[in-house]
Amino acid sequence: MRHRVTGSKLGRTASHRRATLSALSTSLIQHKRIRTTLAKAKATQRTIEPIITRAKLAYQSESGSETKNIHARRMVSRFIKDPVIVRELFDEIAPKVLERNGGYTRVVKLGQRDGDGAHMAIIELVDYNETVTKKSKQKKKAEKTAAATPVKKKKDKETTDQQAEEVKKEATTAEAAEESSDKESDTPEISEKPDDTGEEDKSDGKEKEDK
């Protein structure tokens, strides 16, 4: 019986579970939204919320003085190993969530996965929802344009081929017309001369009668 024990084991040992949650928390801070199973999303939410609170309190204490809260950074670095992500947490995310009293993340259920039927979910930072959706829309738009460009090129190629065929047909018809006109000009014209033999015979007969 697991009385008074919170959280889920996630089917892992303690060290493996800690490494998994560390990787998920690092990815969430870096990308502001990740897609995982519902159990992992809930475990990540319970893990990342205290870390963001520590960073927010450290930022509040640093605002009045010029010195940095090194202790808070070292405590966070024990769980998040990437120093760039730790710097982003304290310098970018902490000022953004300064006026929020908890509830920095949101878990959205997506339904079951096709392969094994696992319940999927999205965990995201609440204050970065608009930024992430804008980036995803831009990414989808870029993918659509990239997929549409080969079709457009194919259509353009077909139209150019059709135009080339039409020009070729016009050229052949023009050549045929020129050849026919040349043939007509080369044929000799038969001149129809009047038959004067009958008239001469008639004139000779009249002369004989007169005589």
Protein backbone atom coordinates (compact mmCIF):
# COMPACT_ATOMS: atom_id res chain seq x y z
CA MET A 1 0.00 0.00 0.00
CA ARG A 2 1.37 3.41 -1.02
CA HIS A 3 -0.15 5.54 1.73
CA ARG A 4 0.85 9.22 1.77
CA VAL A 5 3.04 8.72 -1.30
CA THR A 6 2.46 11.21 -4.11
CA GLY A 7 3.50 10.96 -7.73
CA SER A 8 3.97 8.04 -10.06
CA LYS A 9 6.91 5.68 -10.48
CA LEU A 10 6.48 5.80 -14.30
CA GLY A 11 7.68 2.20 -14.48
CA ARG A 12 11.26 3.25 -13.71
CA THR A 13 13.82 3.10 -10.96
CA ALA A 14 14.56 6.20 -8.89
CA SER A 15 17.62 7.23 -10.92
CA HIS A 16 15.93 6.56 -14.26
CA ARG A 17 12.83 8.48 -13.16
CA ARG A 18 14.93 11.44 -12.04
CA ALA A 19 16.80 11.49 -15.37
CA THR A 20 13.52 11.33 -17.31
CA LEU A 21 11.96 14.21 -15.39
CA SER A 22 15.16 16.23 -15.74
CA ALA A 23 15.14 15.76 -19.52
CA LEU A 24 11.42 16.63 -19.78
CA SER A 25 11.86 19.77 -17.64
CA THR A 26 14.83 20.90 -19.72
CA SER A 27 12.87 20.41 -22.95
CA LEU A 28 9.88 22.29 -21.53
CA ILE A 29 12.00 25.31 -20.61
CA GLN A 30 13.71 25.25 -24.00
CA HIS A 31 10.70 24.70 -26.29
CA LYS A 32 7.91 26.07 -24.01
CA ARG A 33 5.67 23.17 -25.07
CA ILE A 34 6.23 19.41 -25.29
CA ARG A 35 4.05 16.42 -26.15
CA THR A 36 4.30 13.32 -23.97
CA THR A 37 2.16 10.81 -22.09
CA LEU A 38 -0.35 12.07 -19.53
CA ALA A 39 1.47 10.44 -16.61
CA LYS A 40 4.80 12.00 -17.60
CA ALA A 41 3.16 15.39 -18.16
CA LYS A 42 1.65 15.39 -14.68
CA ALA A 43 4.94 14.27 -13.11
CA THR A 44 6.80 16.99 -15.04
CA GLN A 45 4.28 19.58 -13.87
CA ARG A 46 4.86 18.66 -10.23
CA THR A 47 8.61 18.87 -10.81
CA ILE A 48 8.92 22.10 -12.83
CA GLU A 49 6.56 24.29 -10.80
CA PRO A 50 8.84 24.54 -7.70
CA ILE A 51 11.85 25.17 -9.95
CA ILE A 52 10.13 28.12 -11.67
CA THR A 53 9.06 29.46 -8.26
CA ARG A 54 12.67 29.34 -7.04
CA ALA A 55 13.84 31.19 -10.15
CA LYS A 56 11.08 33.82 -9.71
CA LEU A 57 11.99 34.44 -6.06
CA ALA A 58 15.66 34.70 -6.99
CA TYR A 59 14.83 37.26 -9.66
CA GLN A 60 12.80 39.28 -7.13
CA SER A 61 15.72 39.31 -4.70
CA GLU A 62 18.15 40.29 -7.44
CA SER A 63 16.03 43.23 -8.65
CA GLY A 64 16.92 45.35 -5.63
CA SER A 65 20.65 44.61 -5.70
CA GLU A 66 23.35 44.15 -8.31
CA THR A 67 24.50 40.74 -7.03
CA LYS A 68 23.05 37.49 -8.38
CA ASN A 69 21.53 34.75 -6.28
CA ILE A 70 24.16 32.08 -6.91
CA HIS A 71 22.64 29.65 -4.41
CA ALA A 72 19.34 29.47 -6.32
CA ARG A 73 21.17 28.88 -9.59
CA ARG A 74 23.23 26.09 -8.07
CA MET A 75 20.16 24.40 -6.61
CA VAL A 76 18.42 24.48 -10.00
CA SER A 77 21.59 23.27 -11.74
CA ARG A 78 21.51 20.12 -9.61
CA PHE A 79 18.38 19.07 -11.52
CA ILE A 80 18.73 20.89 -14.88
CA LYS A 81 22.21 20.18 -16.17
CA ASP A 82 22.34 22.53 -19.16
CA PRO A 83 23.74 25.96 -18.13
CA VAL A 84 22.18 27.67 -21.15
CA ILE A 85 18.71 26.47 -20.11
CA VAL A 86 19.34 27.59 -16.51
CA ARG A 87 20.34 31.05 -17.76
CA GLU A 88 17.19 31.20 -19.91
CA LEU A 89 15.07 30.22 -16.91
CA PHE A 90 16.45 32.97 -14.67
CA ASP A 91 16.83 35.71 -17.31
CA GLU A 92 13.78 35.20 -19.54
CA ILE A 93 11.10 33.01 -17.92
CA ALA A 94 11.37 34.34 -14.35
CA PRO A 95 10.59 37.98 -15.33
CA LYS A 96 7.68 36.80 -17.46
CA VAL A 97 5.97 34.88 -14.62
CA LEU A 98 6.74 37.50 -11.98
CA GLU A 99 3.10 38.46 -11.42
CA ARG A 100 1.75 34.89 -11.48
CA ASN A 101 1.26 33.13 -8.16
CA GLY A 102 1.76 29.55 -9.25
CA GLY A 103 0.13 27.67 -12.10
CA TYR A 104 2.95 28.34 -14.57
CA THR A 105 2.17 25.27 -16.69
CA ARG A 106 -0.90 23.77 -18.31
CA VAL A 107 -1.65 20.14 -19.22
CA VAL A 108 -3.97 19.54 -22.18
CA LYS A 109 -5.21 16.01 -22.87
CA LEU A 110 -4.97 14.74 -26.46
CA GLY A 111 -6.60 11.33 -26.25
CA GLN A 112 -5.13 7.89 -26.72
CA ARG A 113 -2.17 6.95 -28.90
CA ASP A 114 -2.81 4.67 -31.87
CA GLY A 115 -0.06 2.16 -31.19
CA ASP A 116 -0.40 1.17 -27.54
CA GLY A 117 -3.44 3.21 -26.46
CA ALA A 118 -1.45 5.38 -24.05
CA HIS A 119 -3.10 8.62 -22.97
CA MET A 120 -1.24 11.55 -24.56
CA ALA A 121 -1.06 15.17 -23.41
CA ILE A 122 0.65 18.49 -24.05
CA ILE A 123 2.35 20.37 -21.23
CA GLU A 124 3.14 24.02 -21.94
CA LEU A 125 4.10 27.24 -20.20
CA VAL A 126 0.99 29.38 -19.84
CA ASP A 127 2.67 32.72 -20.54
CA TYR A 128 4.20 31.44 -23.80
CA ASN A 129 1.03 30.01 -25.32
CA GLU A 130 0.64 32.74 -27.98
CA THR A 131 4.31 32.57 -29.00
CA VAL A 132 4.24 28.80 -29.42
CA THR A 133 0.99 28.80 -31.42
CA LYS A 134 2.35 31.54 -33.69
CA LYS A 135 5.54 29.54 -34.34
CA SER A 136 3.54 26.37 -35.03
CA LYS A 137 1.30 28.22 -37.50
CA GLN A 138 4.34 29.65 -39.30
CA LYS A 139 5.87 26.17 -39.43
CA LYS A 140 2.69 24.64 -40.87
CA LYS A 141 2.44 27.44 -43.44
CA ALA A 142 6.05 26.88 -44.49
CA GLU A 143 5.43 23.13 -44.83
CA LYS A 144 2.33 23.76 -46.98
CA THR A 145 4.21 26.14 -49.27
CA ALA A 146 7.10 23.67 -49.55
CA ALA A 147 4.67 20.90 -50.45
CA ALA A 148 2.86 23.10 -52.98
CA THR A 149 5.96 24.30 -54.84
CA PRO A 150 6.67 21.00 -56.69
CA VAL A 151 3.08 20.89 -57.93
CA LYS A 152 3.34 24.48 -59.09
CA LYS A 153 6.61 23.77 -60.88
CA LYS A 154 5.01 20.76 -62.57
CA LYS A 155 2.06 22.86 -63.73
CA ASP A 156 4.39 25.58 -65.01
CA LYS A 157 6.38 22.97 -66.90
CA GLU A 158 3.21 21.55 -68.45
CA THR A 159 2.07 25.01 -69.54
CA THR A 160 5.47 25.78 -71.08
CA ASP A 161 5.40 22.45 -72.92
CA GLN A 162 1.93 23.22 -74.26
CA GLN A 163 3.05 26.66 -75.38
CA ALA A 164 6.09 25.17 -77.11
CA GLU A 165 3.87 22.65 -78.92
CA GLU A 166 1.50 25.41 -80.04
CA VAL A 167 4.40 27.50 -81.36
CA LYS A 168 5.75 24.44 -83.19
CA LYS A 169 2.36 23.78 -84.78
CA GLU A 170 2.05 27.39 -85.88
CA ALA A 171 5.53 27.25 -87.41
CA THR A 172 4.71 24.06 -89.33
CA THR A 173 1.43 25.52 -90.64
CA ALA A 174 3.24 28.69 -91.74
CA GLU A 175 5.89 26.64 -93.56
CA ALA A 176 3.21 24.59 -95.32
CA ALA A 177 1.42 27.76 -96.44
CA GLU A 178 4.67 29.21 -97.80
CA GLU A 179 5.43 26.01 -99.72
CA SER A 180 1.96 25.98 -101.31
CA SER A 181 2.30 29.63 -102.35
CA ASP A 182 5.73 28.92 -103.87
CA LYS A 183 4.30 26.03 -105.89
CA GLU A 184 1.50 28.21 -107.23
CA SER A 185 3.99 30.88 -108.32
CA ASP A 186 6.21 28.31 -110.13
CA THR A 187 3.41 26.88 -112.35
CA PRO A 188 3.47 28.46 -115.90
CA GLU A 189 0.48 30.55 -116.94
CA ILE A 190 -1.27 29.29 -120.11
CA SER A 191 -2.15 32.27 -122.30
CA GLU A 192 -5.33 31.80 -124.27
CA LYS A 193 -4.72 33.27 -127.76
CA PRO A 194 -7.70 33.88 -129.97
CA ASP A 195 -8.19 31.43 -132.84
CA ASP A 196 -7.73 33.63 -135.92
CA THR A 197 -7.93 30.81 -138.50
CA GLY A 198 -11.70 31.01 -138.87
CA GLU A 199 -11.65 34.75 -139.38
CA GLU A 200 -8.99 34.47 -142.07
CA ASP A 201 -11.07 31.86 -143.92
CA LYS A 202 -14.12 34.11 -143.81
CA SER A 203 -12.13 37.06 -145.20
CA ASP A 204 -10.81 34.95 -148.08
CA GLY A 205 -14.35 33.84 -148.99
CA LYS A 206 -15.59 37.44 -149.08
CA GLU A 207 -12.74 38.46 -151.39
CA LYS A 208 -13.61 35.62 -153.80
CA GLU A 209 -17.26 36.64 -153.94
CA ASP A 210 -16.33 40.24 -154.66
CA LYS A 211 -14.18 39.10 -157.50
